[in-house]
């Protein structure tokens, strides 16, 4: 089964601001979400079936927060973050 990704407008804005390196890593994370969205960790460990998950990507520099709607075969991407380190 392949899940459909639905990108929230706020997440789309965050994606547009990502550097090129992050976009490559995010593309790989989206591949995972389309095939095995359960691979992410529940945002609330006390409620593992609550439907909201987080997936770390890009060697630990990025985080995708998403809602898994398995009955609709859909993943709603809510937030996308990326940590940028400044060199000194």
N, C-alpha and C. Protein backbone atom coordinates (compact mmCIF):
# COMPACT_ATOMS: atom_id res chain seq x y z
N UNK A 1 0.84 -1.17 0.00
CA UNK A 1 0.00 0.00 0.00
C UNK A 1 0.89 1.25 0.00
N UNK A 2 0.53 2.23 -0.78
CA UNK A 2 1.23 3.51 -0.82
C UNK A 2 0.31 4.57 -0.24
N UNK A 3 0.79 5.28 0.77
CA UNK A 3 0.02 6.34 1.39
C UNK A 3 0.19 7.63 0.61
N UNK A 4 -0.90 8.39 0.52
CA UNK A 4 -0.87 9.69 -0.14
C UNK A 4 -0.40 10.73 0.87
N UNK A 5 0.53 11.59 0.47
CA UNK A 5 1.00 12.66 1.33
C UNK A 5 0.19 13.91 1.07
N UNK A 6 -0.30 14.52 2.13
CA UNK A 6 -1.00 15.79 2.05
C UNK A 6 -0.17 16.78 2.87
N UNK A 7 0.37 17.79 2.21
CA UNK A 7 1.27 18.75 2.85
C UNK A 7 0.47 19.96 3.32
N UNK A 8 0.48 20.21 4.61
CA UNK A 8 -0.20 21.37 5.19
C UNK A 8 0.46 22.65 4.66
N UNK A 9 -0.30 23.72 4.47
CA UNK A 9 0.30 24.97 3.97
C UNK A 9 1.46 25.48 4.81
N UNK A 10 1.40 25.32 6.12
CA UNK A 10 2.50 25.76 6.98
C UNK A 10 3.74 24.91 6.70
N UNK A 11 3.54 23.59 6.56
CA UNK A 11 4.67 22.70 6.24
C UNK A 11 5.24 23.04 4.87
N UNK A 12 4.38 23.37 3.91
CA UNK A 12 4.86 23.73 2.57
C UNK A 12 5.75 24.98 2.63
N UNK A 13 5.36 25.92 3.47
CA UNK A 13 6.17 27.13 3.66
C UNK A 13 7.53 26.77 4.27
N UNK A 14 7.52 25.87 5.24
CA UNK A 14 8.76 25.45 5.88
C UNK A 14 9.66 24.72 4.88
N UNK A 15 9.06 23.91 4.02
CA UNK A 15 9.82 23.17 3.01
C UNK A 15 10.49 24.12 2.04
N UNK A 16 9.77 25.16 1.61
CA UNK A 16 10.35 26.13 0.67
C UNK A 16 11.57 26.84 1.26
N UNK A 17 11.67 26.91 2.58
CA UNK A 17 12.78 27.61 3.23
C UNK A 17 13.98 26.68 3.50
N UNK A 18 13.86 25.40 3.20
CA UNK A 18 14.94 24.46 3.50
C UNK A 18 16.10 24.61 2.52
N UNK A 19 17.33 24.36 3.01
CA UNK A 19 18.48 24.33 2.10
C UNK A 19 18.43 23.07 1.24
N UNK A 20 19.19 23.08 0.15
CA UNK A 20 19.18 21.96 -0.81
C UNK A 20 19.49 20.62 -0.15
N UNK A 21 20.46 20.59 0.75
CA UNK A 21 20.83 19.34 1.43
C UNK A 21 19.63 18.77 2.19
N UNK A 22 18.86 19.62 2.81
CA UNK A 22 17.70 19.19 3.57
C UNK A 22 16.61 18.65 2.64
N UNK A 23 16.47 19.24 1.47
CA UNK A 23 15.45 18.78 0.53
C UNK A 23 15.70 17.36 0.05
N UNK A 24 16.96 17.02 -0.16
CA UNK A 24 17.30 15.65 -0.56
C UNK A 24 16.92 14.68 0.56
N UNK A 25 17.29 15.01 1.78
CA UNK A 25 16.98 14.16 2.92
C UNK A 25 15.47 14.08 3.15
N UNK A 26 14.77 15.19 2.97
CA UNK A 26 13.33 15.20 3.16
C UNK A 26 12.64 14.34 2.11
N UNK A 27 13.14 14.35 0.90
CA UNK A 27 12.59 13.50 -0.14
C UNK A 27 12.67 12.03 0.26
N UNK A 28 13.79 11.64 0.85
CA UNK A 28 13.94 10.27 1.34
C UNK A 28 12.97 9.98 2.47
N UNK A 29 12.77 10.95 3.36
CA UNK A 29 11.82 10.78 4.46
C UNK A 29 10.40 10.63 3.92
N UNK A 30 10.06 11.40 2.89
CA UNK A 30 8.73 11.29 2.30
C UNK A 30 8.52 9.91 1.67
N UNK A 31 9.58 9.34 1.09
CA UNK A 31 9.49 7.98 0.56
C UNK A 31 9.12 7.00 1.67
N UNK A 32 9.74 7.16 2.83
CA UNK A 32 9.43 6.30 3.98
C UNK A 32 7.98 6.49 4.40
N UNK A 33 7.54 7.74 4.49
CA UNK A 33 6.17 8.01 4.94
C UNK A 33 5.14 7.43 3.98
N UNK A 34 5.45 7.39 2.71
CA UNK A 34 4.51 6.84 1.74
C UNK A 34 4.40 5.32 1.86
N UNK A 35 5.47 4.67 2.30
CA UNK A 35 5.48 3.21 2.34
C UNK A 35 5.25 2.64 3.74
N UNK A 36 5.90 3.20 4.75
CA UNK A 36 5.79 2.69 6.13
C UNK A 36 5.71 3.84 7.14
N UNK A 37 4.60 4.58 7.13
CA UNK A 37 4.51 5.73 8.03
C UNK A 37 4.55 5.35 9.51
N UNK A 38 4.31 4.10 9.81
CA UNK A 38 4.37 3.65 11.20
C UNK A 38 5.80 3.66 11.74
N UNK A 39 6.78 3.87 10.87
CA UNK A 39 8.18 3.88 11.30
C UNK A 39 8.48 5.07 12.22
N UNK A 40 7.71 6.13 12.13
CA UNK A 40 7.91 7.28 13.01
C UNK A 40 7.53 6.93 14.45
N UNK A 41 7.90 7.82 15.35
CA UNK A 41 7.60 7.63 16.77
C UNK A 41 6.35 8.44 17.14
N UNK A 42 5.47 7.88 17.98
CA UNK A 42 4.30 8.65 18.43
C UNK A 42 4.77 9.91 19.16
N UNK A 43 4.08 11.00 18.91
CA UNK A 43 4.45 12.25 19.56
C UNK A 43 4.19 12.16 21.07
N UNK A 44 3.23 11.33 21.44
CA UNK A 44 2.91 11.11 22.85
C UNK A 44 3.06 9.63 23.15
N UNK A 45 4.17 9.23 23.76
CA UNK A 45 4.40 7.81 24.03
C UNK A 45 3.29 7.18 24.88
N UNK A 46 2.59 7.99 25.67
CA UNK A 46 1.49 7.47 26.49
C UNK A 46 0.26 7.16 25.65
N UNK A 47 0.24 7.66 24.39
CA UNK A 47 -0.88 7.43 23.50
C UNK A 47 -0.34 7.03 22.12
N UNK A 48 0.23 5.82 22.02
CA UNK A 48 0.90 5.42 20.78
C UNK A 48 -0.04 5.25 19.58
N UNK A 49 -1.32 5.17 19.82
CA UNK A 49 -2.27 5.03 18.72
C UNK A 49 -3.01 6.34 18.45
N UNK A 50 -2.49 7.44 18.97
CA UNK A 50 -3.15 8.74 18.82
C UNK A 50 -3.12 9.30 17.41
N UNK A 51 -2.22 8.76 16.57
CA UNK A 51 -2.20 9.17 15.18
C UNK A 51 -1.19 10.23 14.81
N UNK A 52 -0.61 10.95 15.78
CA UNK A 52 0.37 11.98 15.47
C UNK A 52 1.76 11.41 15.75
N UNK A 53 2.62 11.49 14.73
CA UNK A 53 3.95 10.89 14.79
C UNK A 53 5.02 11.89 14.40
N UNK A 54 6.26 11.54 14.72
CA UNK A 54 7.41 12.32 14.28
C UNK A 54 8.43 11.38 13.68
N UNK A 55 9.03 11.80 12.57
CA UNK A 55 10.06 11.02 11.91
C UNK A 55 11.31 11.88 11.80
N UNK A 56 12.41 11.38 12.35
CA UNK A 56 13.69 12.05 12.26
C UNK A 56 14.29 11.72 10.89
N UNK A 57 14.87 12.72 10.24
CA UNK A 57 15.49 12.51 8.93
C UNK A 57 16.77 13.33 8.83
N UNK A 58 17.52 13.08 7.75
CA UNK A 58 18.73 13.87 7.50
C UNK A 58 19.77 13.75 8.58
N UNK A 59 20.11 12.50 8.94
CA UNK A 59 21.14 12.25 9.96
C UNK A 59 20.84 12.97 11.27
N UNK A 60 19.57 13.02 11.63
CA UNK A 60 19.16 13.62 12.89
C UNK A 60 19.00 15.12 12.89
N UNK A 61 19.14 15.75 11.73
CA UNK A 61 19.04 17.21 11.67
C UNK A 61 17.62 17.69 11.38
N UNK A 62 16.76 16.79 10.93
CA UNK A 62 15.41 17.20 10.57
C UNK A 62 14.35 16.40 11.29
N UNK A 63 13.15 16.95 11.35
CA UNK A 63 12.03 16.31 12.01
C UNK A 63 10.75 16.62 11.23
N UNK A 64 10.02 15.57 10.88
CA UNK A 64 8.71 15.73 10.24
C UNK A 64 7.66 15.31 11.25
N UNK A 65 6.69 16.18 11.50
CA UNK A 65 5.56 15.86 12.36
C UNK A 65 4.36 15.63 11.45
N UNK A 66 3.66 14.52 11.66
CA UNK A 66 2.58 14.17 10.73
C UNK A 66 1.45 13.42 11.42
N UNK A 67 0.31 13.46 10.79
CA UNK A 67 -0.88 12.75 11.23
C UNK A 67 -1.08 11.57 10.30
N UNK A 68 -1.15 10.38 10.86
CA UNK A 68 -1.37 9.17 10.07
C UNK A 68 -2.85 8.83 10.07
N UNK A 69 -3.44 8.84 8.89
CA UNK A 69 -4.84 8.47 8.71
C UNK A 69 -4.87 7.17 7.90
N UNK A 70 -4.58 6.06 8.60
CA UNK A 70 -4.41 4.77 7.94
C UNK A 70 -5.68 4.34 7.21
N UNK A 71 -6.84 4.60 7.78
CA UNK A 71 -8.09 4.19 7.14
C UNK A 71 -8.33 4.90 5.81
N UNK A 72 -7.70 6.07 5.64
CA UNK A 72 -7.80 6.83 4.40
C UNK A 72 -6.55 6.69 3.53
N UNK A 73 -5.59 5.88 4.01
CA UNK A 73 -4.32 5.69 3.32
C UNK A 73 -3.66 7.05 3.02
N UNK A 74 -3.63 7.89 4.07
CA UNK A 74 -3.15 9.25 3.92
C UNK A 74 -2.25 9.65 5.08
N UNK A 75 -1.23 10.44 4.78
CA UNK A 75 -0.34 11.03 5.77
C UNK A 75 -0.41 12.54 5.59
N UNK A 76 -0.84 13.23 6.63
CA UNK A 76 -0.89 14.69 6.60
C UNK A 76 0.38 15.23 7.24
N UNK A 77 1.24 15.85 6.44
CA UNK A 77 2.49 16.42 6.95
C UNK A 77 2.15 17.77 7.55
N UNK A 78 2.39 17.91 8.86
CA UNK A 78 1.99 19.11 9.59
C UNK A 78 3.13 20.12 9.77
N UNK A 79 4.32 19.63 10.13
CA UNK A 79 5.47 20.50 10.37
C UNK A 79 6.73 19.85 9.84
N UNK A 80 7.64 20.67 9.33
CA UNK A 80 8.93 20.19 8.85
C UNK A 80 9.99 21.13 9.43
N UNK A 81 10.93 20.55 10.16
CA UNK A 81 12.00 21.37 10.74
C UNK A 81 13.36 20.84 10.30
N UNK A 82 14.34 21.72 10.35
CA UNK A 82 15.72 21.39 9.99
C UNK A 82 16.64 22.27 10.82
N UNK A 83 17.65 21.66 11.42
CA UNK A 83 18.62 22.40 12.22
C UNK A 83 19.81 22.75 11.35
N UNK A 84 20.14 24.03 11.30
CA UNK A 84 21.30 24.49 10.55
C UNK A 84 22.36 24.93 11.54
N UNK A 85 23.55 24.36 11.38
CA UNK A 85 24.66 24.73 12.25
C UNK A 85 25.49 25.80 11.57
N UNK A 86 25.76 26.86 12.30
CA UNK A 86 26.62 27.90 11.77
C UNK A 86 28.06 27.56 12.09
N UNK A 87 28.92 27.70 11.11
CA UNK A 87 30.33 27.42 11.32
C UNK A 87 31.01 28.65 11.91
N UNK A 88 31.91 28.41 12.84
CA UNK A 88 32.61 29.52 13.49
C UNK A 88 34.04 29.59 13.05
